[in-house]
């Protein structure tokens, strides 16, 4: 059970990171003083974070299913 709790904490941390990345991107999009390159970097970071979270959630679902 301790491992399961750690997995959920990791997923929660990834979700928080995703939310932070989304917030940064939103702020950059409406701030025209931020260079386009920075906006593109933020978009790439957001995509990577989304993919990491999706992969963690998929693994957690698979491990949970196999645990029964």
PDB file of N, CA and C in Angstrom:
ATOM      1  N   UNK A   1       0.806  -1.202   0.000  1.00  0.00           N
ATOM      2  CA  UNK A   1       0.000   0.000   0.000  1.00  0.00           C
ATOM      3  C   UNK A   1       0.843   1.257   0.000  1.00  0.00           C
ATOM      4  N   UNK A   2       2.019   1.225   0.647  1.00  0.00           N
ATOM      5  CA  UNK A   2       2.869   2.394   0.678  1.00  0.00           C
ATOM      6  C   UNK A   2       3.308   2.809  -0.707  1.00  0.00           C
ATOM      7  N   UNK A   3       3.575   1.816  -1.563  1.00  0.00           N
ATOM      8  CA  UNK A   3       3.963   2.112  -2.940  1.00  0.00           C
ATOM      9  C   UNK A   3       2.840   2.766  -3.709  1.00  0.00           C
ATOM     10  N   UNK A   4       1.628   2.331  -3.445  1.00  0.00           N
ATOM     11  CA  UNK A   4       0.471   2.910  -4.133  1.00  0.00           C
ATOM     12  C   UNK A   4       0.297   4.377  -3.748  1.00  0.00           C
ATOM     13  N   UNK A   5       0.486   4.681  -2.483  1.00  0.00           N
ATOM     14  CA  UNK A   5       0.367   6.061  -2.021  1.00  0.00           C
ATOM     15  C   UNK A   5       1.443   6.923  -2.674  1.00  0.00           C
ATOM     16  N   UNK A   6       2.657   6.388  -2.787  1.00  0.00           N
ATOM     17  CA  UNK A   6       3.743   7.122  -3.437  1.00  0.00           C
ATOM     18  C   UNK A   6       3.411   7.382  -4.896  1.00  0.00           C
ATOM     19  N   UNK A   7       2.793   6.404  -5.560  1.00  0.00           N
ATOM     20  CA  UNK A   7       2.397   6.585  -6.960  1.00  0.00           C
ATOM     21  C   UNK A   7       1.390   7.715  -7.096  1.00  0.00           C
ATOM     22  N   UNK A   8       0.410   7.756  -6.206  1.00  0.00           N
ATOM     23  CA  UNK A   8      -0.597   8.819  -6.276  1.00  0.00           C
ATOM     24  C   UNK A   8       0.020  10.176  -5.987  1.00  0.00           C
ATOM     25  N   UNK A   9       0.996  10.218  -5.062  1.00  0.00           N
ATOM     26  CA  UNK A   9       1.668  11.481  -4.770  1.00  0.00           C
ATOM     27  C   UNK A   9       2.472  11.943  -5.982  1.00  0.00           C
ATOM     28  N   UNK A  10       3.094  11.010  -6.682  1.00  0.00           N
ATOM     29  CA  UNK A  10       3.848  11.344  -7.886  1.00  0.00           C
ATOM     30  C   UNK A  10       2.918  11.877  -8.959  1.00  0.00           C
ATOM     31  N   UNK A  11       1.777  11.247  -9.129  1.00  0.00           N
ATOM     32  CA  UNK A  11       0.797  11.707 -10.111  1.00  0.00           C
ATOM     33  C   UNK A  11       0.269  13.079  -9.713  1.00  0.00           C
ATOM     34  N   UNK A  12       0.013  13.291  -8.436  1.00  0.00           N
ATOM     35  CA  UNK A  12      -0.462  14.593  -7.961  1.00  0.00           C
ATOM     36  C   UNK A  12       0.585  15.671  -8.225  1.00  0.00           C
ATOM     37  N   UNK A  13       1.848  15.358  -7.984  1.00  0.00           N
ATOM     38  CA  UNK A  13       2.923  16.307  -8.247  1.00  0.00           C
ATOM     39  C   UNK A  13       3.006  16.629  -9.739  1.00  0.00           C
ATOM     40  N   UNK A  14       2.848  15.619 -10.587  1.00  0.00           N
ATOM     41  CA  UNK A  14       2.867  15.835 -12.036  1.00  0.00           C
ATOM     42  C   UNK A  14       1.676  16.697 -12.459  1.00  0.00           C
ATOM     43  N   UNK A  15       0.531  16.490 -11.848  1.00  0.00           N
ATOM     44  CA  UNK A  15      -0.658  17.300 -12.172  1.00  0.00           C
ATOM     45  C   UNK A  15      -0.430  18.758 -11.784  1.00  0.00           C
ATOM     46  N   UNK A  16       0.194  18.967 -10.646  1.00  0.00           N
ATOM     47  CA  UNK A  16       0.495  20.339 -10.215  1.00  0.00           C
ATOM     48  C   UNK A  16       1.479  20.995 -11.180  1.00  0.00           C
ATOM     49  N   UNK A  17       2.462  20.230 -11.616  1.00  0.00           N
ATOM     50  CA  UNK A  17       3.436  20.740 -12.575  1.00  0.00           C
ATOM     51  C   UNK A  17       2.754  21.101 -13.886  1.00  0.00           C
ATOM     52  N   UNK A  18       1.816  20.265 -14.308  1.00  0.00           N
ATOM     53  CA  UNK A  18       1.055  20.534 -15.523  1.00  0.00           C
ATOM     54  C   UNK A  18       0.242  21.816 -15.379  1.00  0.00           C
ATOM     55  N   UNK A  19      -0.414  21.973 -14.252  1.00  0.00           N
ATOM     56  CA  UNK A  19      -1.208  23.184 -14.015  1.00  0.00           C
ATOM     57  C   UNK A  19      -0.322  24.432 -14.026  1.00  0.00           C
ATOM     58  N   UNK A  20       0.865  24.323 -13.431  1.00  0.00           N
ATOM     59  CA  UNK A  20       1.792  25.457 -13.417  1.00  0.00           C
ATOM     60  C   UNK A  20       2.252  25.793 -14.832  1.00  0.00           C
ATOM     61  N   UNK A  21       2.562  24.764 -15.616  1.00  0.00           N
ATOM     62  CA  UNK A  21       2.996  24.988 -17.001  1.00  0.00           C
ATOM     63  C   UNK A  21       1.888  25.633 -17.821  1.00  0.00           C
ATOM     64  N   UNK A  22       0.665  25.206 -17.614  1.00  0.00           N
ATOM     65  CA  UNK A  22      -0.463  25.824 -18.320  1.00  0.00           C
ATOM     66  C   UNK A  22      -0.606  27.288 -17.947  1.00  0.00           C
ATOM     67  N   UNK A  23      -0.453  27.582 -16.663  1.00  0.00           N
ATOM     68  CA  UNK A  23      -0.556  28.968 -16.203  1.00  0.00           C
ATOM     69  C   UNK A  23       0.532  29.848 -16.798  1.00  0.00           C
ATOM     70  N   UNK A  24       1.757  29.324 -16.846  1.00  0.00           N
ATOM     71  CA  UNK A  24       2.857  30.087 -17.440  1.00  0.00           C
ATOM     72  C   UNK A  24       2.590  30.355 -18.913  1.00  0.00           C
ATOM     73  N   UNK A  25       2.109  29.348 -19.623  1.00  0.00           N
ATOM     74  CA  UNK A  25       1.837  29.526 -21.044  1.00  0.00           C
ATOM     75  C   UNK A  25       0.726  30.544 -21.258  1.00  0.00           C
ATOM     76  N   UNK A  26      -0.339  30.476 -20.467  1.00  0.00           N
ATOM     77  CA  UNK A  26      -1.429  31.457 -20.584  1.00  0.00           C
ATOM     78  C   UNK A  26      -0.914  32.875 -20.374  1.00  0.00           C
ATOM     79  N   UNK A  27      -0.087  33.048 -19.350  1.00  0.00           N
ATOM     80  CA  UNK A  27       0.460  34.373 -19.054  1.00  0.00           C
ATOM     81  C   UNK A  27       1.359  34.859 -20.188  1.00  0.00           C
ATOM     82  N   UNK A  28       2.140  33.956 -20.760  1.00  0.00           N
ATOM     83  CA  UNK A  28       3.053  34.339 -21.839  1.00  0.00           C
ATOM     84  C   UNK A  28       2.295  34.701 -23.108  1.00  0.00           C
ATOM     85  N   UNK A  29       1.208  34.031 -23.354  1.00  0.00           N
ATOM     86  CA  UNK A  29       0.455  34.275 -24.581  1.00  0.00           C
ATOM     87  C   UNK A  29      -0.147  35.686 -24.591  1.00  0.00           C
ATOM     88  N   UNK A  30      -0.581  36.156 -23.446  1.00  0.00           N
ATOM     89  CA  UNK A  30      -1.203  37.492 -23.420  1.00  0.00           C
ATOM     90  C   UNK A  30      -0.192  38.611 -23.175  1.00  0.00           C
ATOM     91  N   UNK A  31       1.053  38.248 -22.884  1.00  0.00           N
ATOM     92  CA  UNK A  31       2.102  39.237 -22.651  1.00  0.00           C
ATOM     93  C   UNK A  31       2.947  39.332 -23.920  1.00  0.00           C
ATOM     94  N   UNK A  32       2.693  40.367 -24.703  1.00  0.00           N
ATOM     95  CA  UNK A  32       3.352  40.486 -25.997  1.00  0.00           C
ATOM     96  C   UNK A  32       4.828  40.842 -25.898  1.00  0.00           C
ATOM     97  N   UNK A  33       5.324  41.124 -24.708  1.00  0.00           N
ATOM     98  CA  UNK A  33       6.751  41.420 -24.563  1.00  0.00           C
ATOM     99  C   UNK A  33       7.593  40.141 -24.475  1.00  0.00           C
ATOM    100  N   UNK A  34       6.939  39.010 -24.306  1.00  0.00           N
ATOM    101  CA  UNK A  34       7.659  37.734 -24.238  1.00  0.00           C
ATOM    102  C   UNK A  34       7.931  37.259 -25.663  1.00  0.00           C
ATOM    103  N   UNK A  35       9.183  36.933 -25.950  1.00  0.00           N
ATOM    104  CA  UNK A  35       9.536  36.503 -27.312  1.00  0.00           C
ATOM    105  C   UNK A  35       8.814  35.223 -27.729  1.00  0.00           C
ATOM    106  N   UNK A  36       8.578  35.113 -29.006  1.00  0.00           N
ATOM    107  CA  UNK A  36       7.904  33.926 -29.547  1.00  0.00           C
ATOM    108  C   UNK A  36       8.653  32.647 -29.198  1.00  0.00           C
ATOM    109  N   UNK A  37       9.980  32.704 -29.192  1.00  0.00           N
ATOM    110  CA  UNK A  37      10.781  31.522 -28.875  1.00  0.00           C
ATOM    111  C   UNK A  37      10.466  31.012 -27.469  1.00  0.00           C
ATOM    112  N   UNK A  38      10.281  31.943 -26.541  1.00  0.00           N
ATOM    113  CA  UNK A  38       9.953  31.560 -25.160  1.00  0.00           C
ATOM    114  C   UNK A  38       8.573  30.912 -25.106  1.00  0.00           C
ATOM    115  N   UNK A  39       7.624  31.451 -25.854  1.00  0.00           N
ATOM    116  CA  UNK A  39       6.278  30.866 -25.901  1.00  0.00           C
ATOM    117  C   UNK A  39       6.355  29.445 -26.468  1.00  0.00           C
ATOM    118  N   UNK A  40       7.164  29.268 -27.506  1.00  0.00           N
ATOM    119  CA  UNK A  40       7.324  27.928 -28.088  1.00  0.00           C
ATOM    120  C   UNK A  40       7.967  26.963 -27.090  1.00  0.00           C
ATOM    121  N   UNK A  41       8.941  27.446 -26.323  1.00  0.00           N
ATOM    122  CA  UNK A  41       9.559  26.612 -25.287  1.00  0.00           C
ATOM    123  C   UNK A  41       8.522  26.199 -24.238  1.00  0.00           C
ATOM    124  N   UNK A  42       7.692  27.145 -23.840  1.00  0.00           N
ATOM    125  CA  UNK A  42       6.653  26.850 -22.846  1.00  0.00           C
ATOM    126  C   UNK A  42       5.645  25.836 -23.396  1.00  0.00           C
ATOM    127  N   UNK A  43       5.296  25.967 -24.667  1.00  0.00           N
ATOM    128  CA  UNK A  43       4.374  24.999 -25.288  1.00  0.00           C
ATOM    129  C   UNK A  43       4.988  23.602 -25.302  1.00  0.00           C
ATOM    130  N   UNK A  44       6.278  23.520 -25.633  1.00  0.00           N
ATOM    131  CA  UNK A  44       6.960  22.223 -25.669  1.00  0.00           C
ATOM    132  C   UNK A  44       7.017  21.624 -24.260  1.00  0.00           C
ATOM    133  N   UNK A  45       7.294  22.463 -23.270  1.00  0.00           N
ATOM    134  CA  UNK A  45       7.327  21.978 -21.883  1.00  0.00           C
ATOM    135  C   UNK A  45       5.957  21.457 -21.458  1.00  0.00           C
ATOM    136  N   UNK A  46       4.920  22.184 -21.844  1.00  0.00           N
ATOM    137  CA  UNK A  46       3.567  21.761 -21.517  1.00  0.00           C
ATOM    138  C   UNK A  46       3.254  20.413 -22.163  1.00  0.00           C
ATOM    139  N   UNK A  47       3.626  20.262 -23.427  1.00  0.00           N
ATOM    140  CA  UNK A  47       3.387  18.978 -24.112  1.00  0.00           C
ATOM    141  C   UNK A  47       4.113  17.833 -23.417  1.00  0.00           C
ATOM    142  N   UNK A  48       5.385  18.058 -23.039  1.00  0.00           N
ATOM    143  CA  UNK A  48       6.150  17.005 -22.347  1.00  0.00           C
ATOM    144  C   UNK A  48       5.504  16.654 -21.017  1.00  0.00           C
ATOM    145  N   UNK A  49       5.091  17.664 -20.274  1.00  0.00           N
ATOM    146  CA  UNK A  49       4.471  17.425 -18.970  1.00  0.00           C
ATOM    147  C   UNK A  49       3.156  16.674 -19.127  1.00  0.00           C
ATOM    148  N   UNK A  50       2.352  17.045 -20.128  1.00  0.00           N
ATOM    149  CA  UNK A  50       1.098  16.328 -20.382  1.00  0.00           C
ATOM    150  C   UNK A  50       1.373  14.861 -20.710  1.00  0.00           C
ATOM    151  N   UNK A  51       2.377  14.619 -21.534  1.00  0.00           N
ATOM    152  CA  UNK A  51       2.709  13.245 -21.916  1.00  0.00           C
ATOM    153  C   UNK A  51       3.198  12.433 -20.712  1.00  0.00           C
ATOM    154  N   UNK A  52       4.016  13.051 -19.863  1.00  0.00           N
ATOM    155  CA  UNK A  52       4.494  12.363 -18.660  1.00  0.00           C
ATOM    156  C   UNK A  52       3.324  11.990 -17.754  1.00  0.00           C
ATOM    157  N   UNK A  53       2.413  12.931 -17.550  1.00  0.00           N
ATOM    158  CA  UNK A  53       1.251  12.666 -16.700  1.00  0.00           C
ATOM    159  C   UNK A  53       0.381  11.574 -17.309  1.00  0.00           C
ATOM    160  N   UNK A  54       0.160  11.650 -18.609  1.00  0.00           N
ATOM    161  CA  UNK A  54      -0.643  10.628 -19.292  1.00  0.00           C
ATOM    162  C   UNK A  54      -0.003   9.245 -19.114  1.00  0.00           C
ATOM    163  N   UNK A  55       1.321   9.172 -19.251  1.00  0.00           N
ATOM    164  CA  UNK A  55       2.034   7.902 -19.109  1.00  0.00           C
ATOM    165  C   UNK A  55       1.947   7.383 -17.669  1.00  0.00           C
ATOM    166  N   UNK A  56       2.121   8.275 -16.696  1.00  0.00           N
ATOM    167  CA  UNK A  56       2.015   7.864 -15.288  1.00  0.00           C
ATOM    168  C   UNK A  56       0.621   7.333 -14.989  1.00  0.00           C
ATOM    169  N   UNK A  57      -0.393   8.032 -15.468  1.00  0.00           N
ATOM    170  CA  UNK A  57      -1.774   7.626 -15.223  1.00  0.00           C
ATOM    171  C   UNK A  57      -2.065   6.286 -15.898  1.00  0.00           C
ATOM    172  N   UNK A  58      -1.546   6.111 -17.108  1.00  0.00           N
ATOM    173  CA  UNK A  58      -1.738   4.851 -17.822  1.00  0.00           C
ATOM    174  C   UNK A  58      -1.079   3.698 -17.056  1.00  0.00           C
ATOM    175  N   UNK A  59       0.157   3.919 -16.604  1.00  0.00           N
ATOM    176  CA  UNK A  59       0.866   2.879 -15.850  1.00  0.00           C
ATOM    177  C   UNK A  59       0.138   2.569 -14.552  1.00  0.00           C
ATOM    178  N   UNK A  60      -0.341   3.613 -13.874  1.00  0.00           N
ATOM    179  CA  UNK A  60      -1.064   3.413 -12.615  1.00  0.00           C
ATOM    180  C   UNK A  60      -2.325   2.600 -12.868  1.00  0.00           C
ATOM    181  N   UNK A  61      -3.037   2.900 -13.945  1.00  0.00           N
ATOM    182  CA  UNK A  61      -4.241   2.140 -14.281  1.00  0.00           C
ATOM    183  C   UNK A  61      -3.909   0.709 -14.599  1.00  0.00           C
ATOM    184  N   UNK A  62      -2.831   0.481 -15.326  1.00  0.00           N
ATOM    185  CA  UNK A  62      -2.423  -0.877 -15.682  1.00  0.00           C
ATOM    186  C   UNK A  62      -1.986  -1.642 -14.448  1.00  0.00           C
ATOM    187  N   UNK A  63      -1.195  -1.008 -13.594  1.00  0.00           N
ATOM    188  CA  UNK A  63      -0.732  -1.685 -12.378  1.00  0.00           C
ATOM    189  C   UNK A  63      -1.895  -1.967 -11.439  1.00  0.00           C
ATOM    190  N   UNK A  64      -2.831  -1.018 -11.356  1.00  0.00           N
ATOM    191  CA  UNK A  64      -4.002  -1.227 -10.503  1.00  0.00           C
ATOM    192  C   UNK A  64      -4.841  -2.393 -11.007  1.00  0.00           C
ATOM    193  N   UNK A  65      -4.990  -2.491 -12.314  1.00  0.00           N
ATOM    194  CA  UNK A  65      -5.754  -3.577 -12.920  1.00  0.00           C
ATOM    195  C   UNK A  65      -5.087  -4.926 -12.657  1.00  0.00           C
ATOM    196  N   UNK A  66      -3.760  -4.973 -12.779  1.00  0.00           N
ATOM    197  CA  UNK A  66      -3.019  -6.208 -12.561  1.00  0.00           C
ATOM    198  C   UNK A  66      -2.956  -6.602 -11.101  1.00  0.00           C
ATOM    199  N   UNK A  67      -3.197  -5.615 -10.223  1.00  0.00           N
ATOM    200  CA  UNK A  67      -3.154  -5.881  -8.792  1.00  0.00           C
ATOM    201  C   UNK A  67      -4.333  -6.700  -8.286  1.00  0.00           C
ATOM    202  N   UNK A  68      -5.406  -6.806  -9.084  1.00  0.00           N
ATOM    203  CA  UNK A  68      -6.579  -7.548  -8.634  1.00  0.00           C
ATOM    204  C   UNK A  68      -6.442  -9.002  -8.854  1.00  0.00           C
TER     205      UNK A  68
END
